[in-house]
Amino acid sequence: MTTRWEYLTVPLLIHATKQILDNYGEEGWELVQVVPGPNPENLVAYLKRPVGEA
């Protein structure tokens, strides 16, 4: 059976990155990539988790 994924894009504040990622990690989300956001104080995280693990 093929794993189906759902994805989430989350804004990250540099001063709270660990807390934000830990919160999503507890919900089963896995970090895929972090890219620069619209301004220097923001990043954007791309996360995924298998469908149905909510």
PDB file of N, CA and C in Angstrom:
ATOM      1  N   MET A   1       0.842  -1.188   0.000  1.00  0.00           N
ATOM      2  CA  MET A   1       0.000   0.000   0.000  1.00  0.00           C
ATOM      3  C   MET A   1       0.882   1.245   0.000  1.00  0.00           C
ATOM      4  N   THR A   2       0.564   2.175  -0.848  1.00  0.00           N
ATOM      5  CA  THR A   2       1.337   3.399  -0.959  1.00  0.00           C
ATOM      6  C   THR A   2       0.924   4.381   0.127  1.00  0.00           C
ATOM      7  N   THR A   3       1.905   5.010   0.762  1.00  0.00           N
ATOM      8  CA  THR A   3       1.617   6.023   1.770  1.00  0.00           C
ATOM      9  C   THR A   3       1.130   7.291   1.085  1.00  0.00           C
ATOM     10  N   ARG A   4       0.015   7.808   1.571  1.00  0.00           N
ATOM     11  CA  ARG A   4      -0.489   9.093   1.083  1.00  0.00           C
ATOM     12  C   ARG A   4      -0.096  10.159   2.097  1.00  0.00           C
ATOM     13  N   TRP A   5       0.296  11.339   1.617  1.00  0.00           N
ATOM     14  CA  TRP A   5       0.789  12.410   2.472  1.00  0.00           C
ATOM     15  C   TRP A   5      -0.128  13.622   2.411  1.00  0.00           C
ATOM     16  N   GLU A   6      -0.180  14.345   3.512  1.00  0.00           N
ATOM     17  CA  GLU A   6      -0.774  15.676   3.504  1.00  0.00           C
ATOM     18  C   GLU A   6       0.335  16.650   3.874  1.00  0.00           C
ATOM     19  N   TYR A   7       0.213  17.882   3.379  1.00  0.00           N
ATOM     20  CA  TYR A   7       1.276  18.868   3.543  1.00  0.00           C
ATOM     21  C   TYR A   7       0.750  20.129   4.211  1.00  0.00           C
ATOM     22  N   LEU A   8       1.667  20.850   4.844  1.00  0.00           N
ATOM     23  CA  LEU A   8       1.316  22.069   5.557  1.00  0.00           C
ATOM     24  C   LEU A   8       2.443  23.069   5.381  1.00  0.00           C
ATOM     25  N   THR A   9       2.094  24.317   5.135  1.00  0.00           N
ATOM     26  CA  THR A   9       3.061  25.404   5.049  1.00  0.00           C
ATOM     27  C   THR A   9       2.833  26.300   6.266  1.00  0.00           C
ATOM     28  N   VAL A  10       3.911  26.549   7.022  1.00  0.00           N
ATOM     29  CA  VAL A  10       3.798  27.268   8.293  1.00  0.00           C
ATOM     30  C   VAL A  10       4.798  28.409   8.345  1.00  0.00           C
ATOM     31  N   PRO A  11       4.347  29.624   8.699  1.00  0.00           N
ATOM     32  CA  PRO A  11       5.307  30.703   8.911  1.00  0.00           C
ATOM     33  C   PRO A  11       6.061  30.472  10.221  1.00  0.00           C
ATOM     34  N   LEU A  12       7.371  30.697  10.207  1.00  0.00           N
ATOM     35  CA  LEU A  12       8.189  30.539  11.410  1.00  0.00           C
ATOM     36  C   LEU A  12       8.762  31.889  11.807  1.00  0.00           C
ATOM     37  N   LEU A  13       8.642  32.226  13.065  1.00  0.00           N
ATOM     38  CA  LEU A  13       9.314  33.414  13.591  1.00  0.00           C
ATOM     39  C   LEU A  13      10.665  32.966  14.117  1.00  0.00           C
ATOM     40  N   ILE A  14      11.710  33.647  13.741  1.00  0.00           N
ATOM     41  CA  ILE A  14      13.064  33.222  14.084  1.00  0.00           C
ATOM     42  C   ILE A  14      13.239  33.014  15.589  1.00  0.00           C
ATOM     43  N   HIS A  15      12.627  33.881  16.409  1.00  0.00           N
ATOM     44  CA  HIS A  15      12.818  33.769  17.862  1.00  0.00           C
ATOM     45  C   HIS A  15      12.002  32.636  18.489  1.00  0.00           C
ATOM     46  N   ALA A  16      11.121  31.983  17.709  1.00  0.00           N
ATOM     47  CA  ALA A  16      10.279  30.918  18.285  1.00  0.00           C
ATOM     48  C   ALA A  16      10.285  29.656  17.426  1.00  0.00           C
ATOM     49  N   THR A  17      11.308  29.501  16.597  1.00  0.00           N
ATOM     50  CA  THR A  17      11.339  28.380  15.653  1.00  0.00           C
ATOM     51  C   THR A  17      11.211  27.020  16.337  1.00  0.00           C
ATOM     52  N   LYS A  18      11.988  26.769  17.367  1.00  0.00           N
ATOM     53  CA  LYS A  18      11.957  25.461  18.040  1.00  0.00           C
ATOM     54  C   LYS A  18      10.586  25.172  18.626  1.00  0.00           C
ATOM     55  N   GLN A  19      10.012  26.134  19.299  1.00  0.00           N
ATOM     56  CA  GLN A  19       8.703  25.930  19.926  1.00  0.00           C
ATOM     57  C   GLN A  19       7.633  25.623  18.871  1.00  0.00           C
ATOM     58  N   ILE A  20       7.650  26.366  17.771  1.00  0.00           N
ATOM     59  CA  ILE A  20       6.663  26.148  16.711  1.00  0.00           C
ATOM     60  C   ILE A  20       6.822  24.750  16.114  1.00  0.00           C
ATOM     61  N   LEU A  21       8.071  24.373  15.789  1.00  0.00           N
ATOM     62  CA  LEU A  21       8.296  23.051  15.191  1.00  0.00           C
ATOM     63  C   LEU A  21       7.993  21.924  16.164  1.00  0.00           C
ATOM     64  N   ASP A  22       8.323  22.106  17.448  1.00  0.00           N
ATOM     65  CA  ASP A  22       7.987  21.090  18.455  1.00  0.00           C
ATOM     66  C   ASP A  22       6.476  20.888  18.534  1.00  0.00           C
ATOM     67  N   ASN A  23       5.710  21.968  18.481  1.00  0.00           N
ATOM     68  CA  ASN A  23       4.251  21.866  18.554  1.00  0.00           C
ATOM     69  C   ASN A  23       3.699  21.059  17.380  1.00  0.00           C
ATOM     70  N   TYR A  24       4.183  21.339  16.176  1.00  0.00           N
ATOM     71  CA  TYR A  24       3.713  20.586  15.017  1.00  0.00           C
ATOM     72  C   TYR A  24       4.227  19.147  15.051  1.00  0.00           C
ATOM     73  N   GLY A  25       5.434  18.940  15.545  1.00  0.00           N
ATOM     74  CA  GLY A  25       5.983  17.592  15.669  1.00  0.00           C
ATOM     75  C   GLY A  25       5.125  16.716  16.567  1.00  0.00           C
ATOM     76  N   GLU A  26       4.588  17.303  17.636  1.00  0.00           N
ATOM     77  CA  GLU A  26       3.713  16.542  18.540  1.00  0.00           C
ATOM     78  C   GLU A  26       2.429  16.105  17.845  1.00  0.00           C
ATOM     79  N   GLU A  27       2.044  16.822  16.777  1.00  0.00           N
ATOM     80  CA  GLU A  27       0.840  16.477  16.018  1.00  0.00           C
ATOM     81  C   GLU A  27       1.151  15.537  14.852  1.00  0.00           C
ATOM     82  N   GLY A  28       2.408  15.063  14.774  1.00  0.00           N
ATOM     83  CA  GLY A  28       2.765  14.095  13.754  1.00  0.00           C
ATOM     84  C   GLY A  28       3.359  14.689  12.488  1.00  0.00           C
ATOM     85  N   TRP A  29       3.569  16.005  12.455  1.00  0.00           N
ATOM     86  CA  TRP A  29       4.128  16.644  11.266  1.00  0.00           C
ATOM     87  C   TRP A  29       5.645  16.500  11.255  1.00  0.00           C
ATOM     88  N   GLU A  30       6.207  16.215  10.084  1.00  0.00           N
ATOM     89  CA  GLU A  30       7.649  16.093   9.890  1.00  0.00           C
ATOM     90  C   GLU A  30       8.130  17.265   9.032  1.00  0.00           C
ATOM     91  N   LEU A  31       9.200  17.917   9.474  1.00  0.00           N
ATOM     92  CA  LEU A  31       9.766  19.030   8.722  1.00  0.00           C
ATOM     93  C   LEU A  31      10.422  18.525   7.443  1.00  0.00           C
ATOM     94  N   VAL A  32      10.078  19.150   6.317  1.00  0.00           N
ATOM     95  CA  VAL A  32      10.652  18.781   5.032  1.00  0.00           C
ATOM     96  C   VAL A  32      11.699  19.812   4.623  1.00  0.00           C
ATOM     97  N   GLN A  33      11.360  21.096   4.748  1.00  0.00           N
ATOM     98  CA  GLN A  33      12.265  22.151   4.302  1.00  0.00           C
ATOM     99  C   GLN A  33      11.888  23.466   4.950  1.00  0.00           C
ATOM    100  N   VAL A  34      12.887  24.331   5.118  1.00  0.00           N
ATOM    101  CA  VAL A  34      12.661  25.698   5.582  1.00  0.00           C
ATOM    102  C   VAL A  34      13.238  26.623   4.519  1.00  0.00           C
ATOM    103  N   VAL A  35      12.452  27.620   4.112  1.00  0.00           N
ATOM    104  CA  VAL A  35      12.898  28.584   3.103  1.00  0.00           C
ATOM    105  C   VAL A  35      12.706  29.998   3.647  1.00  0.00           C
ATOM    106  N   PRO A  36      13.411  30.990   3.082  1.00  0.00           N
ATOM    107  CA  PRO A  36      13.237  32.373   3.530  1.00  0.00           C
ATOM    108  C   PRO A  36      11.798  32.843   3.323  1.00  0.00           C
ATOM    109  N   GLY A  37      11.325  33.649   4.253  1.00  0.00           N
ATOM    110  CA  GLY A  37       9.982  34.200   4.158  1.00  0.00           C
ATOM    111  C   GLY A  37       9.978  35.558   3.483  1.00  0.00           C
ATOM    112  N   PRO A  38       8.870  36.281   3.616  1.00  0.00           N
ATOM    113  CA  PRO A  38       8.712  37.565   2.936  1.00  0.00           C
ATOM    114  C   PRO A  38       9.602  38.682   3.495  1.00  0.00           C
ATOM    115  N   ASN A  39      10.104  38.509   4.703  1.00  0.00           N
ATOM    116  CA  ASN A  39      11.030  39.491   5.263  1.00  0.00           C
ATOM    117  C   ASN A  39      12.095  38.769   6.075  1.00  0.00           C
ATOM    118  N   PRO A  40      13.176  39.457   6.443  1.00  0.00           N
ATOM    119  CA  PRO A  40      14.319  38.788   7.090  1.00  0.00           C
ATOM    120  C   PRO A  40      14.014  38.126   8.443  1.00  0.00           C
ATOM    121  N   GLU A  41      12.947  38.521   9.101  1.00  0.00           N
ATOM    122  CA  GLU A  41      12.640  37.947  10.413  1.00  0.00           C
ATOM    123  C   GLU A  41      11.733  36.730  10.316  1.00  0.00           C
ATOM    124  N   ASN A  42      11.346  36.351   9.121  1.00  0.00           N
ATOM    125  CA  ASN A  42      10.435  35.220   8.945  1.00  0.00           C
ATOM    126  C   ASN A  42      11.036  34.138   8.059  1.00  0.00           C
ATOM    127  N   LEU A  43      10.666  32.911   8.378  1.00  0.00           N
ATOM    128  CA  LEU A  43      10.990  31.754   7.559  1.00  0.00           C
ATOM    129  C   LEU A  43       9.674  31.043   7.267  1.00  0.00           C
ATOM    130  N   VAL A  44       9.679  30.187   6.269  1.00  0.00           N
ATOM    131  CA  VAL A  44       8.503  29.383   5.963  1.00  0.00           C
ATOM    132  C   VAL A  44       8.914  27.921   6.028  1.00  0.00           C
ATOM    133  N   ALA A  45       8.170  27.136   6.803  1.00  0.00           N
ATOM    134  CA  ALA A  45       8.452  25.714   6.952  1.00  0.00           C
ATOM    135  C   ALA A  45       7.439  24.908   6.146  1.00  0.00           C
ATOM    136  N   TYR A  46       7.936  23.887   5.474  1.00  0.00           N
ATOM    137  CA  TYR A  46       7.084  22.932   4.769  1.00  0.00           C
ATOM    138  C   TYR A  46       7.124  21.626   5.559  1.00  0.00           C
ATOM    139  N   LEU A  47       5.934  21.123   5.928  1.00  0.00           N
ATOM    140  CA  LEU A  47       5.837  19.918   6.737  1.00  0.00           C
ATOM    141  C   LEU A  47       4.954  18.895   6.036  1.00  0.00           C
ATOM    142  N   LYS A  48       5.119  17.615   6.426  1.00  0.00           N
ATOM    143  CA  LYS A  48       4.275  16.555   5.878  1.00  0.00           C
ATOM    144  C   LYS A  48       3.997  15.530   6.971  1.00  0.00           C
ATOM    145  N   ARG A  49       2.905  14.786   6.763  1.00  0.00           N
ATOM    146  CA  ARG A  49       2.591  13.637   7.619  1.00  0.00           C
ATOM    147  C   ARG A  49       1.693  12.702   6.821  1.00  0.00           C
ATOM    148  N   PRO A  50       1.743  11.425   7.152  1.00  0.00           N
ATOM    149  CA  PRO A  50       0.848  10.490   6.470  1.00  0.00           C
ATOM    150  C   PRO A  50      -0.615  10.857   6.714  1.00  0.00           C
ATOM    151  N   VAL A  51      -1.431  10.743   5.695  1.00  0.00           N
ATOM    152  CA  VAL A  51      -2.851  11.050   5.807  1.00  0.00           C
ATOM    153  C   VAL A  51      -3.478  10.127   6.850  1.00  0.00           C
ATOM    154  N   GLY A  52      -4.317  10.710   7.712  1.00  0.00           N
ATOM    155  CA  GLY A  52      -5.022   9.925   8.705  1.00  0.00           C
ATOM    156  C   GLY A  52      -4.342   9.866  10.060  1.00  0.00           C
ATOM    157  N   GLU A  53      -3.223  10.568  10.255  1.00  0.00           N
ATOM    158  CA  GLU A  53      -2.538  10.543  11.552  1.00  0.00           C
ATOM    159  C   GLU A  53      -2.896  11.732  12.428  1.00  0.00           C
ATOM    160  N   ALA A  54      -3.889  12.489  12.054  1.00  0.00           N
ATOM    161  CA  ALA A  54      -4.253  13.696  12.824  1.00  0.00           C
ATOM    162  C   ALA A  54      -4.622  13.370  14.245  1.00  0.00           C
TER     163      ALA A  54
END
